[in-house]
C-alpha cells in the first residue's frame, strides 16, 4: 500500500482478487488476521480508514475524504501520515482530558515544568 486510495480500495473493494477487508472484519472480526504482523498492518491501515470515515461523517464524500488525506500526506510516506494522525488523536484526547479538569493554582503546565 502506497496511498490512502490504496488503503481505502482494499477496505471497500478488496485488491488482487481478494475480498474487501470491510467484509472480512464483519464476518470474521480479528480471526482473519491471526499473526502479529497482520494485526500490526491492520492497526496501521485502520487509522487511515477511521479518519476517512470521520471525514465522511463530517460531510465529505469518500473520494473527497481520500483526497483530503492524500493532500495531508503530500510527498510523505503512508507511515508518516499514520504517525501524524495518531499524534493528532493523542493531542485531542489530552486536550479533552485537561478541559474537563479544573486546574489548581500553580499547576499550569509551564509552572509544573519550572518555566
Protein backbone atom coordinates (compact mmCIF):
# COMPACT_ATOMS: atom_id res chain seq x y z
CA UNK A 1 0.00 0.00 0.00
CA UNK A 2 1.39 3.33 -1.03
CA UNK A 3 -1.55 5.72 -1.00
CA UNK A 4 -4.65 6.48 1.02
CA UNK A 5 -6.68 5.47 -2.04
CA UNK A 6 -4.99 2.03 -1.99
CA UNK A 7 -5.91 1.52 1.66
CA UNK A 8 -9.50 2.66 1.10
CA UNK A 9 -9.89 0.48 -2.02
CA UNK A 10 -8.54 -2.57 -0.15
CA UNK A 11 -11.03 -1.89 2.64
CA UNK A 12 -14.11 -1.29 0.48
CA UNK A 13 -13.48 -3.43 -2.61
CA UNK A 14 -10.54 -5.75 -1.99
CA UNK A 15 -7.38 -5.92 -4.08
CA UNK A 16 -5.73 -8.54 -6.27
CA UNK A 17 -8.92 -10.60 -6.36
CA UNK A 18 -9.18 -10.74 -2.58
CA UNK A 19 -12.27 -9.89 -0.57
CA UNK A 20 -12.91 -6.45 0.84
CA UNK A 21 -11.34 -6.03 4.27
CA UNK A 22 -14.60 -4.45 5.44
CA UNK A 23 -16.33 -7.74 4.63
CA UNK A 24 -13.63 -9.78 6.39
CA UNK A 25 -13.98 -7.63 9.50
CA UNK A 26 -17.76 -8.01 9.55
CA UNK A 27 -17.68 -11.75 9.01
CA UNK A 28 -14.59 -12.86 10.92
CA UNK A 29 -13.64 -9.98 13.28
CA UNK A 30 -10.00 -10.50 14.28
CA UNK A 31 -9.84 -14.18 13.23
CA UNK A 32 -8.89 -13.23 9.66
CA UNK A 33 -5.64 -11.67 10.92
CA UNK A 34 -4.17 -14.10 13.48
CA UNK A 35 -0.46 -13.28 13.04
CA UNK A 36 1.14 -10.35 14.85
CA UNK A 37 2.36 -8.83 11.56
CA UNK A 38 -1.19 -8.93 10.19
CA UNK A 39 -2.53 -7.30 13.35
CA UNK A 40 0.06 -4.52 13.11
CA UNK A 41 -0.65 -3.89 9.43
CA UNK A 42 -4.39 -3.79 10.11
CA UNK A 43 -3.95 -1.42 13.04
CA UNK A 44 -2.00 0.99 10.85
CA UNK A 45 -4.49 0.81 8.00
CA UNK A 46 -7.38 1.15 10.43
CA UNK A 47 -6.03 4.55 11.47
CA UNK A 48 -6.48 5.77 7.89
CA UNK A 49 -9.85 4.05 7.47
CA UNK A 50 -11.15 5.63 10.67
CA UNK A 51 -10.05 9.07 9.50
CA UNK A 52 -11.74 8.63 6.10
CA UNK A 53 -14.91 7.55 7.92
CA UNK A 54 -14.68 10.53 10.28
CA UNK A 55 -14.36 12.93 7.35
CA UNK A 56 -17.30 11.26 5.59
CA UNK A 57 -19.38 11.61 8.76
CA UNK A 58 -18.42 15.31 8.77
CA UNK A 59 -19.96 15.71 5.31
CA UNK A 60 -17.30 14.84 2.73
CA UNK A 61 -17.77 12.21 0.06
CA UNK A 62 -15.47 9.20 0.39
CA UNK A 63 -13.44 10.34 -2.63
CA UNK A 64 -13.10 13.86 -1.19
CA UNK A 65 -12.08 12.43 2.18
CA UNK A 66 -9.42 10.28 0.50
CA UNK A 67 -8.21 13.32 -1.48
CA UNK A 68 -8.06 15.38 1.73
CA UNK A 69 -5.85 12.78 3.41
CA UNK A 70 -3.69 12.43 0.29
CA UNK A 71 -3.16 16.21 0.37
CA UNK A 72 -2.26 15.99 4.05
CA UNK A 73 0.21 13.18 3.26
CA UNK A 74 1.81 15.19 0.46
CA UNK A 75 5.10 13.62 -0.54
CA UNK A 76 5.49 11.81 2.77
CA UNK A 77 5.05 8.11 3.26
CA UNK A 78 1.83 6.49 4.33
CA UNK A 79 3.55 5.63 7.62
CA UNK A 80 4.27 9.33 8.20
CA UNK A 81 0.60 10.13 7.66
CA UNK A 82 -0.41 7.40 10.10
CA UNK A 83 2.02 8.74 12.71
CA UNK A 84 0.64 12.24 12.19
CA UNK A 85 -2.97 11.06 12.59
CA UNK A 86 -2.12 9.11 15.74
CA UNK A 87 -0.34 12.16 17.18
CA UNK A 88 -3.31 14.40 16.41
CA UNK A 89 -5.68 11.92 18.09
CA UNK A 90 -3.49 11.73 21.20
CA UNK A 91 -3.27 15.50 21.36
CA UNK A 92 -7.05 15.81 21.09
CA UNK A 93 -7.55 13.27 23.87
CA UNK A 94 -5.16 15.18 26.10
CA UNK A 95 -6.95 18.45 25.42
CA UNK A 96 -10.33 16.89 26.24
CA UNK A 97 -8.98 15.47 29.49
CA UNK A 98 -7.46 18.78 30.53
CA UNK A 99 -10.60 20.70 29.56
CA UNK A 100 -12.66 18.56 31.92
CA UNK A 101 -10.46 19.15 34.96
CA UNK A 102 -10.28 22.40 36.88
CA UNK A 103 -6.67 23.48 37.32
CA UNK A 104 -5.34 24.05 40.77
CA UNK A 105 -3.47 27.25 41.34
CA UNK A 106 0.16 26.93 40.34
CA UNK A 107 -0.32 23.75 38.31
CA UNK A 108 -0.25 25.11 34.78
CA UNK A 109 2.00 23.04 32.53
CA UNK A 110 4.69 25.70 32.36
CA UNK A 111 4.75 26.05 36.12
CA UNK A 112 4.99 22.28 36.63
CA UNK A 113 7.93 22.21 34.26
CA UNK A 114 9.62 25.10 36.01
CA UNK A 115 9.13 27.56 33.16
